[in-house]
């Protein structure tokens, strides 16, 4: 069995380093891209859904509450406040879930 020439060894080393660099950098970036795509799609769907829910709740409150509160429509600001509080509580729940999941992942032992 003949030994390889220095040029062949250098070429093999170069190929090995290039394939290792691709394995450790390019492939994980491609996988992360897939997760980012799904996350963006989910965030967009969640945002559109919350917008529709907020507008629907606002319209429902605007049509039913004026008669219940004072009958004259002077409390027209109340539906906006109620929807604002609803959206704020939804935002708080999402923030609480995000901070909880970050705390859980930091406790994992690798």
Protein backbone atom coordinates (compact mmCIF):
# COMPACT_ATOMS: atom_id res chain seq x y z
CA UNK A 1 0.00 0.00 0.00
CA UNK A 2 1.56 3.23 -1.18
CA UNK A 3 1.54 6.36 0.93
CA UNK A 4 -0.37 9.34 -0.36
CA UNK A 5 1.46 12.30 -1.76
CA UNK A 6 1.52 15.53 0.26
CA UNK A 7 -0.81 17.19 -2.27
CA UNK A 8 -3.38 14.42 -1.80
CA UNK A 9 -3.14 14.68 1.98
CA UNK A 10 -3.59 18.45 1.84
CA UNK A 11 -6.57 18.03 -0.51
CA UNK A 12 -8.15 15.44 1.83
CA UNK A 13 -7.57 17.71 4.83
CA UNK A 14 -9.15 20.65 2.95
CA UNK A 15 -12.17 18.52 1.97
CA UNK A 16 -12.51 17.29 5.55
CA UNK A 17 -12.39 20.83 6.99
CA UNK A 18 -14.86 22.15 4.42
CA UNK A 19 -17.34 19.32 5.01
CA UNK A 20 -17.02 19.73 8.78
CA UNK A 21 -17.60 23.49 8.53
CA UNK A 22 -20.71 22.92 6.41
CA UNK A 23 -21.98 20.30 8.84
CA UNK A 24 -21.51 22.56 11.84
CA UNK A 25 -22.65 25.89 10.35
CA UNK A 26 -24.75 25.65 7.20
CA UNK A 27 -26.92 22.67 8.16
CA UNK A 28 -27.98 24.08 11.57
CA UNK A 29 -28.77 27.43 9.97
CA UNK A 30 -31.02 25.68 7.44
CA UNK A 31 -32.81 23.84 10.26
CA UNK A 32 -33.23 27.04 12.27
CA UNK A 33 -34.69 28.72 9.18
CA UNK A 34 -37.48 26.15 9.09
CA UNK A 35 -38.34 26.80 12.75
CA UNK A 36 -38.24 30.55 12.22
CA UNK A 37 -40.62 30.21 9.27
CA UNK A 38 -43.13 28.25 11.34
CA UNK A 39 -42.77 30.71 14.22
CA UNK A 40 -43.43 33.68 11.96
CA UNK A 41 -46.45 31.97 10.43
CA UNK A 42 -47.81 31.19 13.90
CA UNK A 43 -47.21 34.73 15.11
CA UNK A 44 -48.96 36.14 12.06
CA UNK A 45 -51.94 33.81 12.52
CA UNK A 46 -52.10 34.66 16.24
CA UNK A 47 -51.96 38.39 15.49
CA UNK A 48 -54.69 38.22 12.87
CA UNK A 49 -56.86 36.09 15.16
CA UNK A 50 -56.44 38.45 18.10
CA UNK A 51 -57.26 41.41 15.87
CA UNK A 52 -60.48 39.78 14.69
CA UNK A 53 -61.40 38.83 18.27
CA UNK A 54 -60.73 42.36 19.51
CA UNK A 55 -62.75 43.99 16.73
CA UNK A 56 -65.58 41.50 17.25
CA UNK A 57 -65.61 42.08 21.00
CA UNK A 58 -65.54 45.85 20.45
CA UNK A 59 -68.48 45.74 18.05
CA UNK A 60 -70.43 43.46 20.40
CA UNK A 61 -69.82 45.77 23.35
CA UNK A 62 -70.64 48.86 21.30
CA UNK A 63 -74.01 47.48 20.24
CA UNK A 64 -75.12 46.01 23.60
CA UNK A 65 -73.59 48.16 26.34
CA UNK A 66 -74.95 51.66 25.62
CA UNK A 67 -78.47 50.47 26.38
CA UNK A 68 -77.33 48.61 29.48
CA UNK A 69 -75.15 51.35 30.97
CA UNK A 70 -77.01 54.63 30.54
CA UNK A 71 -79.29 54.33 27.53
CA UNK A 72 -78.02 57.61 26.07
CA UNK A 73 -74.65 56.55 24.65
CA UNK A 74 -72.62 58.76 26.99
CA UNK A 75 -70.45 55.83 27.99
CA UNK A 76 -69.07 55.23 24.50
CA UNK A 77 -65.53 55.01 25.89
CA UNK A 78 -66.29 51.92 27.99
CA UNK A 79 -66.16 49.30 25.16
CA UNK A 80 -62.75 50.61 24.13
CA UNK A 81 -61.47 50.33 27.70
CA UNK A 82 -62.86 46.81 28.03
CA UNK A 83 -61.21 45.65 24.80
CA UNK A 84 -57.96 47.34 25.79
CA UNK A 85 -58.01 45.46 29.11
CA UNK A 86 -58.80 42.22 27.28
CA UNK A 87 -55.86 42.68 24.92
CA UNK A 88 -53.60 43.67 27.81
CA UNK A 89 -54.48 40.54 29.74
CA UNK A 90 -53.85 38.40 26.63
CA UNK A 91 -50.47 40.08 26.22
CA UNK A 92 -49.71 39.46 29.89
CA UNK A 93 -50.56 35.76 29.53
CA UNK A 94 -48.28 35.44 26.51
CA UNK A 95 -45.44 37.25 28.31
CA UNK A 96 -45.91 35.05 31.38
CA UNK A 97 -45.76 31.92 29.23
CA UNK A 98 -42.63 33.12 27.45
CA UNK A 99 -40.78 33.94 30.66
CA UNK A 100 -41.86 30.64 32.20
CA UNK A 101 -40.60 28.63 29.23
CA UNK A 102 -37.27 30.51 29.28
CA UNK A 103 -36.88 29.78 32.99
CA UNK A 104 -37.67 26.09 32.42
CA UNK A 105 -35.09 25.75 29.64
CA UNK A 106 -32.40 27.43 31.72
CA UNK A 107 -32.84 24.80 34.45
CA UNK A 108 -32.23 21.90 32.06
CA UNK A 109 -28.99 20.01 32.49
CA UNK A 110 -27.19 19.31 29.26
